[in-house]
Amino acid sequence: MTEPLTPSPLATDFVPREGLQRTIKYRNVLRLSYYGLIIIALASMLIGFIYTGLTISESALLDPRILLSFLVVLPSVAIVIARWRLRPYAFTAVHVHPAGFTRVRPWDSTEVSFSAIKSLQVWHLPYFGGRFLLTEENGTKHEFTAALERCEYLLDALVRARPELMDHSALVPFRRTLVTSDHSWARLSDRMRIRGRELLALYVLAPLLGLGIAWPLLNQGPVGFADTFVALLGMGAAIFLLNLTVGLFTGSIGEGYLIFRGTRALRANPNEMRRDPALEARVSRLVVWSHAALFAVILAAMILGLV
């Protein structure tokens, strides 16, 4: 009697979807970051010019470190990151269909057939993010990152057409990472789009309020306009950096918990990729209040320690 074949757990773990046709784009966060860096570069140069004008008007000596920082270093770093790291992705759309994909950018358009793909290479940090590189027979390479909205569509279509390109045991955890990372990008995009006032209050108004409280208490006394401008700028930068650090800390804890829950759900059912809006809303509220409270406590402690 022949024993029935028992499928491997991995063989039934995930089934690539069939007949996928969809246009996917990189998240709006990348485009906003691109324009944000351009604004930072321009603002940095404006600060440098204001400092120069105030110093010259007082017949004082210019500090070359300040000039170098605001007129050269900060603008250059911001422009380099925006131009060479963000721009190649931020304005890219990918039209996925069962036989291949078309990558469309403002400056070019490339159509690729899955039959022309020679290799698929993947890199990922479990639960956090990853990227994959497609290499054609002619040597042309196409890289895609987890910031591409629903990038698992492209991966599913590829492995459906060319299953030999990637072993199933490696595909499942990589795809799980892409899905959980995509959910993280989606939450960030939703927060910027829907809860913009909340972000404005947390990351702009709160540090400005902190600066308004700290400046009268810590200001050493009347000095020249240029020195006052530099001191105010330095204190403001420190408070904004503190607030950003607190936000990253509390946000990372909340996002880490959501990633853990999402990964656990995907392990139980890899074909069920819906988010949990109710859980996300509860975690978001907790993160916001934790951020505000922790920032206020740390800033108050620093002010009291310096007064």
Protein backbone atom coordinates (compact mmCIF):
# COMPACT_ATOMS: atom_id res chain seq x y z
CA MET A 1 0.00 0.00 0.00
CA THR A 2 1.40 3.36 -0.97
CA GLU A 3 1.44 5.92 1.81
CA PRO A 4 -0.21 9.25 0.93
CA LEU A 5 2.20 12.06 0.29
CA THR A 6 2.35 14.59 3.13
CA PRO A 7 3.07 18.08 1.84
CA SER A 8 5.82 20.08 3.49
CA PRO A 9 4.55 22.78 5.89
CA LEU A 10 6.32 25.34 3.74
CA ALA A 11 4.63 24.07 0.59
CA THR A 12 1.25 25.00 2.02
CA ASP A 13 2.51 28.05 3.89
CA PHE A 14 2.00 30.48 1.06
CA VAL A 15 0.46 30.35 -2.42
CA PRO A 16 1.49 33.14 -4.86
CA ARG A 17 -1.53 34.97 -6.19
CA GLU A 18 -2.48 34.48 -9.82
CA GLY A 19 -3.22 37.03 -12.54
CA LEU A 20 -2.03 40.09 -10.63
CA GLN A 21 -2.37 43.41 -12.46
CA ARG A 22 -1.80 46.58 -10.53
CA THR A 23 0.13 49.86 -10.60
CA ILE A 24 2.20 50.38 -7.46
CA LYS A 25 4.24 53.40 -6.42
CA TYR A 26 6.74 54.28 -3.75
CA ARG A 27 5.16 55.73 -0.63
CA ASN A 28 4.40 59.46 -0.46
CA VAL A 29 6.77 59.66 2.51
CA LEU A 30 9.70 59.43 0.10
CA ARG A 31 8.42 62.29 -2.04
CA LEU A 32 7.73 64.43 1.04
CA SER A 33 11.21 63.60 2.35
CA TYR A 34 12.72 64.60 -0.99
CA TYR A 35 11.06 68.02 -0.94
CA GLY A 36 11.72 68.34 2.79
CA LEU A 37 15.45 67.94 2.25
CA ILE A 38 15.37 70.60 -0.46
CA ILE A 39 13.62 72.95 1.98
CA ILE A 40 16.20 72.12 4.68
CA ALA A 41 19.02 72.98 2.28
CA LEU A 42 17.43 76.33 1.40
CA ALA A 43 16.60 77.10 5.06
CA SER A 44 20.17 76.30 6.08
CA MET A 45 21.56 78.72 3.52
CA LEU A 46 19.05 81.38 4.63
CA ILE A 47 20.22 80.97 8.24
CA GLY A 48 23.81 81.35 7.10
CA PHE A 49 22.99 84.56 5.22
CA ILE A 50 21.05 85.98 8.19
CA TYR A 51 23.97 85.25 10.50
CA THR A 52 26.37 86.88 8.04
CA GLY A 53 24.21 89.99 7.73
CA LEU A 54 23.78 90.39 11.51
CA THR A 55 27.49 89.90 12.16
CA ILE A 56 28.58 92.37 9.48
CA SER A 57 26.05 94.95 10.71
CA GLU A 58 27.70 94.79 14.15
CA SER A 59 31.24 94.91 12.68
CA ALA A 60 32.01 91.61 14.43
CA LEU A 61 34.12 88.69 13.23
CA LEU A 62 32.39 85.93 11.30
CA ASP A 63 32.75 82.41 12.72
CA PRO A 64 33.98 80.22 9.82
CA ARG A 65 32.56 77.09 11.49
CA ILE A 66 29.04 78.51 11.40
CA LEU A 67 29.44 79.66 7.80
CA LEU A 68 30.83 76.28 6.74
CA SER A 69 28.06 74.37 8.53
CA PHE A 70 25.08 76.36 7.23
CA LEU A 71 26.31 77.44 3.80
CA VAL A 72 28.19 74.30 2.73
CA VAL A 73 27.88 71.14 4.84
CA LEU A 74 24.14 71.00 5.62
CA PRO A 75 22.95 72.06 2.13
CA SER A 76 25.38 69.66 0.44
CA VAL A 77 24.38 66.67 2.57
CA ALA A 78 20.66 67.39 2.10
CA ILE A 79 20.97 67.79 -1.68
CA VAL A 80 23.12 64.65 -2.07
CA ILE A 81 20.65 62.50 -0.11
CA ALA A 82 17.66 63.96 -1.96
CA ARG A 83 19.20 63.69 -5.42
CA TRP A 84 21.00 60.35 -5.29
CA ARG A 85 19.17 58.36 -2.61
CA LEU A 86 15.53 59.48 -2.73
CA ARG A 87 14.91 60.73 -6.27
CA PRO A 88 15.53 57.35 -8.02
CA TYR A 89 12.69 55.85 -5.97
CA ALA A 90 10.38 58.70 -4.95
CA PHE A 91 8.93 59.33 -8.42
CA THR A 92 8.82 55.73 -9.68
CA ALA A 93 5.68 53.79 -10.60
CA VAL A 94 5.64 50.07 -11.43
CA HIS A 95 2.89 48.53 -13.58
CA VAL A 96 2.72 44.83 -12.64
CA HIS A 97 1.08 42.21 -14.88
CA PRO A 98 1.31 38.41 -15.03
CA ALA A 99 4.04 38.35 -17.68
CA GLY A 100 6.27 41.15 -16.40
CA PHE A 101 6.33 44.75 -15.27
CA THR A 102 6.91 48.27 -16.57
CA ARG A 103 8.91 50.73 -14.48
CA VAL A 104 7.93 54.33 -15.22
CA ARG A 105 9.90 57.37 -14.05
CA PRO A 106 9.65 61.00 -15.18
CA TRP A 107 12.82 60.62 -17.22
CA ASP A 108 12.42 57.06 -18.63
CA SER A 109 10.23 53.99 -18.96
CA THR A 110 11.43 50.38 -18.96
CA GLU A 111 9.41 47.27 -19.80
CA VAL A 112 10.70 43.96 -18.43
CA SER A 113 9.44 40.45 -19.13
CA PHE A 114 9.74 37.90 -16.32
CA SER A 115 11.08 35.44 -18.88
CA ALA A 116 14.12 37.72 -19.30
CA ILE A 117 15.02 37.65 -15.58
CA LYS A 118 18.21 35.71 -14.91
CA SER A 119 18.43 36.00 -11.13
CA LEU A 120 16.60 37.26 -8.06
CA GLN A 121 18.66 38.42 -5.08
CA VAL A 122 17.10 39.45 -1.78
CA TRP A 123 18.35 41.19 1.36
CA HIS A 124 16.25 41.78 4.43
CA LEU A 125 16.35 42.44 8.14
CA PRO A 126 13.55 40.25 9.55
CA TYR A 127 10.48 42.24 10.63
CA PHE A 128 11.93 45.62 9.61
CA GLY A 129 12.64 45.93 5.89
CA GLY A 130 14.34 44.60 2.82
CA ARG A 131 14.97 44.93 -0.88
CA PHE A 132 15.32 42.68 -3.89
CA LEU A 133 17.37 42.93 -7.06
CA LEU A 134 16.29 41.55 -10.43
CA THR A 135 18.98 40.94 -13.03
CA GLU A 136 18.09 40.44 -16.69
CA GLU A 137 19.94 38.17 -19.10
CA ASN A 138 21.60 41.24 -20.64
CA GLY A 139 22.93 42.34 -17.23
CA THR A 140 20.43 45.15 -16.58
CA LYS A 141 19.57 45.39 -12.88
CA HIS A 142 16.33 46.57 -11.27
CA GLU A 143 16.25 47.21 -7.52
CA PHE A 144 13.09 47.52 -5.44
CA THR A 145 12.79 48.25 -1.72
CA ALA A 146 10.12 47.67 0.91
CA ALA A 147 9.12 51.34 0.54
CA LEU A 148 7.40 50.37 -2.73
CA GLU A 149 3.71 50.20 -1.85
CA ARG A 150 2.50 46.58 -1.87
CA CYS A 151 5.81 45.45 -3.30
CA GLU A 152 4.80 41.84 -2.62
CA TYR A 153 2.56 42.18 -5.71
CA LEU A 154 5.65 42.32 -7.89
CA LEU A 155 7.30 39.48 -5.97
CA ASP A 156 4.15 37.31 -6.15
CA ALA A 157 3.79 37.85 -9.89
CA LEU A 158 7.47 37.04 -10.44
CA VAL A 159 7.56 33.80 -8.43
CA ARG A 160 4.24 32.75 -9.95
CA ALA A 161 5.76 33.06 -13.43
CA ARG A 162 9.30 31.93 -12.47
CA PRO A 163 9.16 29.79 -9.29
CA GLU A 164 12.65 28.45 -9.93
CA LEU A 165 14.22 31.86 -9.20
CA MET A 166 13.81 31.55 -5.43
CA ASP A 167 13.56 28.63 -3.05
CA HIS A 168 10.22 28.49 -1.25
CA SER A 169 11.87 28.23 2.17
CA ALA A 170 13.64 31.56 1.56
CA LEU A 171 10.66 33.19 -0.15
CA VAL A 172 8.22 32.85 2.75
CA PRO A 173 10.20 34.75 5.45
CA PHE A 174 11.34 37.38 2.95
CA ARG A 175 7.79 38.01 1.77
CA ARG A 176 6.62 38.18 5.37
CA THR A 177 9.18 40.91 6.01
CA LEU A 178 8.02 42.82 2.92
CA VAL A 179 4.39 42.70 4.08
CA THR A 180 5.09 43.81 7.67
CA SER A 181 7.41 46.55 6.42
CA ASP A 182 4.78 47.69 3.92
CA HIS A 183 2.28 47.94 6.78
CA SER A 184 4.76 50.15 8.67
CA TRP A 185 5.17 52.45 5.68
CA ALA A 186 1.38 52.54 5.27
CA ARG A 187 0.89 53.54 8.91
CA LEU A 188 3.44 56.33 8.54
CA SER A 189 1.80 57.55 5.32
CA ASP A 190 -1.65 57.43 6.90
CA ARG A 191 -0.45 59.38 9.91
CA MET A 192 1.05 62.12 7.76
CA ARG A 193 -2.04 62.28 5.53
CA ILE A 194 -4.83 61.93 8.10
CA ARG A 195 -3.29 63.11 11.36
CA GLY A 196 -1.19 66.01 10.14
CA ARG A 197 -2.35 68.34 12.91
CA GLU A 198 -1.24 65.85 15.52
CA LEU A 199 2.23 65.65 13.97
CA LEU A 200 2.37 69.45 13.74
CA ALA A 201 1.54 69.75 17.44
CA LEU A 202 4.05 67.08 18.49
CA TYR A 203 7.02 67.96 16.31
CA VAL A 204 6.65 71.73 15.77
CA LEU A 205 4.43 73.37 18.38
CA ALA A 206 5.68 71.32 21.36
CA PRO A 207 9.39 72.12 20.83
CA LEU A 208 8.55 75.76 20.06
CA LEU A 209 6.65 75.93 23.36
CA GLY A 210 9.62 74.32 25.08
CA LEU A 211 11.95 76.89 23.52
CA GLY A 212 9.64 79.70 24.63
CA ILE A 213 9.84 78.44 28.21
CA ALA A 214 13.55 77.59 28.25
CA TRP A 215 14.89 80.74 26.58
CA PRO A 216 13.85 83.31 29.22
CA LEU A 217 15.10 81.00 32.00
CA LEU A 218 18.45 80.08 30.45
CA ASN A 219 19.31 83.24 28.50
CA GLN A 220 22.49 84.71 29.97
CA GLY A 221 21.68 88.35 29.34
CA PRO A 222 21.83 91.02 26.63
CA VAL A 223 24.43 90.45 23.90
CA GLY A 224 24.74 91.38 20.24
CA PHE A 225 22.11 90.40 17.71
CA ALA A 226 24.41 87.90 15.99
CA ASP A 227 25.37 86.15 19.25
CA THR A 228 21.74 86.09 20.37
CA PHE A 229 20.71 84.62 17.03
CA VAL A 230 23.36 81.88 17.28
CA ALA A 231 22.46 81.09 20.92
CA LEU A 232 18.74 80.94 20.13
CA LEU A 233 19.43 78.76 17.11
CA GLY A 234 21.59 76.39 19.16
CA MET A 235 19.04 76.05 21.96
CA GLY A 236 16.22 75.56 19.47
CA ALA A 237 18.17 72.87 17.61
CA ALA A 238 18.89 71.05 20.89
CA ILE A 239 15.22 71.09 21.92
CA PHE A 240 14.02 69.99 18.48
CA LEU A 241 16.60 67.18 18.48
CA LEU A 242 15.51 66.08 21.96
CA ASN A 243 11.87 66.03 20.84
CA LEU A 244 12.74 64.08 17.69
CA THR A 245 14.73 61.53 19.72
CA VAL A 246 11.82 61.05 22.14
CA GLY A 247 9.44 60.66 19.19
CA LEU A 248 11.65 58.07 17.52
CA PHE A 249 12.01 56.17 20.81
CA THR A 250 8.29 56.01 21.64
CA GLY A 251 7.32 55.48 18.01
CA SER A 252 9.80 52.61 17.62
CA ILE A 253 8.37 50.83 20.64
CA GLY A 254 4.82 51.17 19.35
CA GLU A 255 5.77 50.18 15.80
CA GLY A 256 7.81 47.25 17.09
CA TYR A 257 4.78 45.92 18.91
CA LEU A 258 2.58 46.28 15.82
CA ILE A 259 5.21 44.53 13.68
CA PHE A 260 5.35 41.70 16.22
CA ARG A 261 1.57 41.29 16.13
CA GLY A 262 1.48 41.50 12.34
CA THR A 263 4.26 38.94 11.95
CA ARG A 264 2.50 36.54 14.29
CA ALA A 265 -0.71 36.89 12.27
CA LEU A 266 1.17 36.26 9.00
CA ARG A 267 2.80 33.16 10.44
CA ALA A 268 -0.66 31.82 11.26
CA ASN A 269 -2.07 32.70 7.83
CA PRO A 270 0.41 34.09 5.25
CA ASN A 271 -2.38 34.73 2.74
CA GLU A 272 -4.24 37.07 5.11
CA MET A 273 -2.50 40.46 4.91
CA ARG A 274 -5.07 42.87 6.31
CA ARG A 275 -4.06 45.31 9.03
CA ASP A 276 -5.81 45.72 12.39
CA PRO A 277 -7.08 49.35 12.42
CA ALA A 278 -8.51 49.14 15.96
CA LEU A 279 -5.22 47.92 17.44
CA GLU A 280 -3.24 50.49 15.44
CA ALA A 281 -5.46 53.31 16.74
CA ARG A 282 -4.97 52.24 20.37
CA VAL A 283 -1.21 51.97 19.99
CA SER A 284 -1.06 55.34 18.19
CA ARG A 285 -2.88 57.12 21.02
CA LEU A 286 -0.57 55.54 23.59
CA VAL A 287 2.51 56.57 21.59
CA VAL A 288 1.30 60.18 21.28
CA TRP A 289 0.62 60.61 24.99
CA SER A 290 3.88 58.85 25.93
CA HIS A 291 5.81 61.11 23.56
CA ALA A 292 4.30 64.31 24.95
CA ALA A 293 4.73 63.28 28.59
CA LEU A 294 8.30 62.02 28.22
CA PHE A 295 9.41 65.11 26.29
CA ALA A 296 7.90 67.43 28.92
CA VAL A 297 9.53 65.54 31.81
CA ILE A 298 13.00 65.41 30.22
CA LEU A 299 12.92 69.06 29.13
CA ALA A 300 11.76 70.19 32.58
CA ALA A 301 14.53 68.17 34.24
CA MET A 302 17.15 69.68 31.90
CA ILE A 303 15.92 73.24 32.51
CA LEU A 304 15.87 72.77 36.30
CA GLY A 305 19.35 71.29 36.16
CA LEU A 306 20.72 74.30 34.26
CA VAL A 307 18.92 77.14 36.04
